[in-house]
């Protein structure tokens, strides 16, 4: 009986060590995902959204003045390449290698949905830009109608482009928040497992959350508190 207990204890410790190694890999992978979307926001999306909002405000002021002069604007029409976050690797770790909690798996579901929605918005915007590039004869007025979702002289409007900008901003933020939340939760789980294992436990990967937070890429977490509360997650 004593030998069986010792054998069971040793087997449990091996499983715990494997779990901890997998948790370290998951923290690294979630951190890479966070950095990828943080870079996208800092290098492009935040400025794109802010510029579109500023040009829209200028347009409203121009409309209020009714000067009769054409509304002049410039637009960033850069085609964006699809992102390739390490989601398959993170999924395999969470589902196959780690006894992940319901909260972690739910956060992962929110993350994958956000990434899919962001990918759709980027592809849709690229398609609109390609259509514009293929139609150089479109007038300045027609381009403004597309860029700002304005009604044509026939009363038809197409809000796809401004909708894409809003969606890119929103889902970039969502992807940042949910990858950040997964990384923080995995660190907590890893710390608890290290305490259980004791002296034999390997060190835990520790993302530099202070540096990440200082970059001002993480949106207001108050907007996500309802989700976190429903999942009993503290960020």
Protein backbone atom coordinates (compact mmCIF):
# COMPACT_ATOMS: atom_id res chain seq x y z
CA UNK A 1 0.00 0.00 0.00
CA UNK A 2 2.80 2.40 0.93
CA UNK A 3 4.57 1.68 -2.35
CA UNK A 4 1.34 2.32 -4.24
CA UNK A 5 0.86 5.66 -2.48
CA UNK A 6 4.43 6.67 -3.29
CA UNK A 7 3.97 5.62 -6.90
CA UNK A 8 0.72 7.60 -7.17
CA UNK A 9 2.36 10.64 -5.60
CA UNK A 10 5.31 10.47 -7.98
CA UNK A 11 2.94 10.11 -10.95
CA UNK A 12 0.94 13.14 -9.79
CA UNK A 13 4.11 15.20 -9.47
CA UNK A 14 5.15 14.25 -13.01
CA UNK A 15 1.75 15.36 -14.29
CA UNK A 16 2.03 18.62 -12.36
CA UNK A 17 5.48 19.28 -13.81
CA UNK A 18 4.19 18.62 -17.32
CA UNK A 19 1.29 20.98 -16.62
CA UNK A 20 3.63 23.69 -15.44
CA UNK A 21 5.79 23.38 -18.55
CA UNK A 22 2.66 23.63 -20.68
CA UNK A 23 1.49 26.65 -18.67
CA UNK A 24 4.83 28.34 -19.34
CA UNK A 25 4.36 27.68 -23.05
CA UNK A 26 0.80 29.04 -22.90
CA UNK A 27 1.94 32.22 -21.12
CA UNK A 28 4.60 32.76 -23.81
CA UNK A 29 2.10 32.11 -26.62
CA UNK A 30 -0.57 34.39 -25.14
CA UNK A 31 2.11 37.04 -24.63
CA UNK A 32 3.17 36.76 -28.28
CA UNK A 33 -0.46 37.18 -29.32
CA UNK A 34 -0.77 40.24 -27.09
CA UNK A 35 2.40 41.77 -28.56
CA UNK A 36 1.22 41.12 -32.12
CA UNK A 37 -2.09 42.94 -31.68
CA UNK A 38 -0.50 45.60 -29.51
CA UNK A 39 1.93 46.36 -32.32
CA UNK A 40 -0.90 46.48 -34.85
CA UNK A 41 -2.76 48.99 -32.70
CA UNK A 42 0.27 51.14 -31.92
CA UNK A 43 1.72 51.16 -35.43
CA UNK A 44 -1.45 51.46 -37.50
CA UNK A 45 -4.99 50.89 -36.24
CA UNK A 46 -5.11 53.55 -33.52
CA UNK A 47 -3.87 56.25 -35.91
CA UNK A 48 -6.16 55.04 -38.70
CA UNK A 49 -9.24 55.19 -36.45
CA UNK A 50 -8.27 58.55 -34.96
CA UNK A 51 -7.64 60.05 -38.41
CA UNK A 52 -10.98 58.81 -39.75
CA UNK A 53 -12.78 60.22 -36.72
CA UNK A 54 -11.02 63.58 -37.17
CA UNK A 55 -11.85 63.73 -40.90
CA UNK A 56 -15.49 62.84 -40.11
CA UNK A 57 -15.68 65.71 -37.61
CA UNK A 58 -14.22 68.07 -40.21
CA UNK A 59 -16.81 66.84 -42.69
CA UNK A 60 -19.66 67.62 -40.28
CA UNK A 61 -18.28 71.13 -39.75
CA UNK A 62 -18.02 71.60 -43.53
CA UNK A 63 -21.62 70.41 -43.98
CA UNK A 64 -22.82 72.84 -41.30
CA UNK A 65 -21.17 75.78 -43.08
CA UNK A 66 -22.67 74.88 -46.50
CA UNK A 67 -19.91 76.85 -48.20
CA UNK A 68 -20.46 75.21 -51.57
CA UNK A 69 -16.77 74.38 -51.81
CA UNK A 70 -15.79 70.69 -52.20
CA UNK A 71 -14.72 68.91 -49.03
CA UNK A 72 -11.02 68.13 -49.32
CA UNK A 73 -9.65 65.13 -47.43
CA UNK A 74 -6.83 62.62 -47.59
CA UNK A 75 -7.22 58.93 -46.82
CA UNK A 76 -4.81 56.20 -45.77
CA UNK A 77 -5.55 53.45 -48.26
CA UNK A 78 -2.77 51.04 -47.34
CA UNK A 79 -3.55 47.37 -47.96
CA UNK A 80 -2.97 45.37 -44.76
CA UNK A 81 -1.58 41.85 -44.79
CA UNK A 82 -3.47 39.23 -42.77
CA UNK A 83 -2.09 38.54 -39.31
CA UNK A 84 -1.03 35.08 -38.23
CA UNK A 85 -1.32 34.89 -34.43
CA UNK A 86 -0.24 31.59 -32.79
CA UNK A 87 -3.81 30.59 -31.98
CA UNK A 88 -3.53 26.91 -33.06
CA UNK A 89 -0.59 26.45 -30.69
CA UNK A 90 -2.43 28.14 -27.82
CA UNK A 91 -5.55 26.08 -28.49
CA UNK A 92 -3.57 22.82 -28.36
CA UNK A 93 -1.96 23.82 -25.07
CA UNK A 94 -5.22 24.84 -23.41
CA UNK A 95 -7.26 21.86 -24.59
CA UNK A 96 -4.69 19.05 -24.75
CA UNK A 97 -1.87 19.89 -22.34
CA UNK A 98 -3.42 21.93 -19.52
CA UNK A 99 -6.36 21.30 -17.22
CA UNK A 100 -7.63 24.76 -18.13
CA UNK A 101 -10.53 26.19 -16.18
CA UNK A 102 -13.87 27.09 -17.75
CA UNK A 103 -12.90 30.76 -17.36
CA UNK A 104 -9.68 30.32 -19.34
CA UNK A 105 -11.44 28.42 -22.11
CA UNK A 106 -14.20 31.05 -22.26
CA UNK A 107 -11.58 33.81 -22.56
CA UNK A 108 -9.95 31.82 -25.36
CA UNK A 109 -13.34 31.63 -27.11
CA UNK A 110 -13.73 35.41 -26.87
CA UNK A 111 -10.17 35.82 -28.20
CA UNK A 112 -10.67 33.61 -31.25
CA UNK A 113 -13.98 35.29 -32.07
CA UNK A 114 -12.35 38.73 -31.82
CA UNK A 115 -9.49 37.67 -34.08
CA UNK A 116 -11.89 36.23 -36.66
CA UNK A 117 -13.94 39.45 -36.63
CA UNK A 118 -10.81 41.58 -36.98
CA UNK A 119 -9.61 39.44 -39.89
CA UNK A 120 -12.99 39.92 -41.61
CA UNK A 121 -12.88 43.71 -41.11
CA UNK A 122 -9.33 43.95 -42.48
CA UNK A 123 -10.18 41.83 -45.53
CA UNK A 124 -13.36 43.81 -46.20
CA UNK A 125 -11.47 47.11 -46.01
CA UNK A 126 -8.77 45.73 -48.33
CA UNK A 127 -11.47 44.73 -50.83
CA UNK A 128 -12.99 48.23 -50.78
CA UNK A 129 -9.57 49.81 -51.33
CA UNK A 130 -8.83 47.44 -54.22
CA UNK A 131 -12.16 48.41 -55.79
CA UNK A 132 -11.22 52.09 -55.50
CA UNK A 133 -7.78 51.46 -56.99
CA UNK A 134 -9.40 49.62 -59.89
CA UNK A 135 -11.73 52.59 -60.53
CA UNK A 136 -9.50 55.66 -60.97
CA UNK A 137 -12.31 57.46 -62.78
CA UNK A 138 -14.42 57.75 -59.62
CA UNK A 139 -15.00 61.38 -58.74
CA UNK A 140 -13.87 63.06 -55.55
CA UNK A 141 -17.51 63.12 -54.41
CA UNK A 142 -17.93 59.40 -55.04
CA UNK A 143 -14.77 58.63 -53.07
CA UNK A 144 -16.00 60.77 -50.17
CA UNK A 145 -19.30 58.90 -50.20
CA UNK A 146 -17.45 55.60 -49.86
CA UNK A 147 -14.94 56.86 -47.29
CA UNK A 148 -17.56 58.42 -44.99
CA UNK A 149 -20.64 56.37 -45.84
CA UNK A 150 -22.47 59.39 -47.29
CA UNK A 151 -25.71 59.17 -49.26
CA UNK A 152 -25.46 59.62 -53.02
CA UNK A 153 -27.67 61.98 -55.00
CA UNK A 154 -30.05 59.02 -55.44
CA UNK A 155 -30.26 58.57 -51.67
CA UNK A 156 -28.19 55.37 -51.52
CA UNK A 157 -25.43 55.03 -48.93
CA UNK A 158 -22.74 52.44 -48.30
CA UNK A 159 -21.29 52.50 -44.78
CA UNK A 160 -18.96 49.54 -45.25
CA UNK A 161 -15.71 51.53 -45.12
CA UNK A 162 -16.42 53.50 -41.90
CA UNK A 163 -17.91 50.33 -40.40
CA UNK A 164 -14.66 48.49 -41.17
CA UNK A 165 -12.60 51.17 -39.43
CA UNK A 166 -14.77 50.98 -36.31
CA UNK A 167 -14.65 47.18 -36.37
CA UNK A 168 -10.86 47.10 -36.76
CA UNK A 169 -10.46 49.41 -33.76
CA UNK A 170 -12.90 47.46 -31.62
CA UNK A 171 -11.67 43.97 -32.42
CA UNK A 172 -8.00 44.94 -32.14
CA UNK A 173 -8.77 46.15 -28.62
CA UNK A 174 -10.73 42.98 -27.87
CA UNK A 175 -7.86 40.79 -29.09
CA UNK A 176 -5.45 42.71 -26.88
CA UNK A 177 -7.66 42.46 -23.79
CA UNK A 178 -8.46 38.76 -24.08
CA UNK A 179 -4.88 37.69 -24.80
CA UNK A 180 -3.75 39.88 -21.87
CA UNK A 181 -6.39 38.30 -19.62
CA UNK A 182 -5.37 34.77 -20.62
CA UNK A 183 -1.71 35.52 -19.93
CA UNK A 184 -2.49 36.97 -16.49
CA UNK A 185 -4.77 34.06 -15.55
CA UNK A 186 -2.18 31.52 -16.66
CA UNK A 187 0.44 33.25 -14.52
CA UNK A 188 -1.87 32.93 -11.50
CA UNK A 189 -2.52 29.27 -12.24
CA UNK A 190 1.19 28.65 -12.71
CA UNK A 191 2.05 30.30 -9.40
CA UNK A 192 -0.48 28.12 -7.59
CA UNK A 193 0.91 24.98 -9.23
CA UNK A 194 4.49 25.93 -8.33
CA UNK A 195 3.47 26.18 -4.69
CA UNK A 196 1.93 22.72 -4.90
CA UNK A 197 5.02 21.18 -6.55
CA UNK A 198 7.48 22.79 -4.19
CA UNK A 199 11.24 23.10 -4.61
CA UNK A 200 11.36 20.95 -7.74
CA UNK A 201 9.15 23.35 -9.65
CA UNK A 202 10.82 25.10 -12.60
CA UNK A 203 10.66 28.88 -12.75
CA UNK A 204 7.54 30.49 -14.17
CA UNK A 205 7.54 32.70 -17.25
CA UNK A 206 6.77 36.24 -16.12
CA UNK A 207 5.65 38.62 -18.86
CA UNK A 208 6.62 42.23 -18.28
CA UNK A 209 3.06 43.41 -17.66
CA UNK A 210 4.26 46.77 -16.32
CA UNK A 211 6.05 47.51 -19.59
CA UNK A 212 3.03 46.39 -21.61
CA UNK A 213 0.71 48.57 -19.55
CA UNK A 214 3.07 51.55 -19.86
CA UNK A 215 2.80 51.40 -23.67
CA UNK A 216 -0.87 52.46 -23.37
CA UNK A 217 -2.04 49.77 -25.78
CA UNK A 218 -4.48 48.10 -23.37
CA UNK A 219 -7.92 49.73 -23.60
CA UNK A 220 -10.09 50.68 -20.63
CA UNK A 221 -10.70 47.39 -18.81
CA UNK A 222 -13.84 48.80 -17.20
CA UNK A 223 -15.57 48.18 -20.53
CA UNK A 224 -14.93 44.45 -20.08
CA UNK A 225 -15.83 44.08 -16.41
CA UNK A 226 -19.24 42.54 -17.15
CA UNK A 227 -17.53 39.73 -19.09
CA UNK A 228 -14.84 39.26 -16.46
CA UNK A 229 -17.41 39.20 -13.66
CA UNK A 230 -19.52 36.58 -15.45
CA UNK A 231 -16.42 34.39 -15.77
CA UNK A 232 -15.25 35.15 -12.19
CA UNK A 233 -12.02 36.53 -13.59
CA UNK A 234 -10.02 39.29 -11.86
CA UNK A 235 -7.72 41.39 -14.02
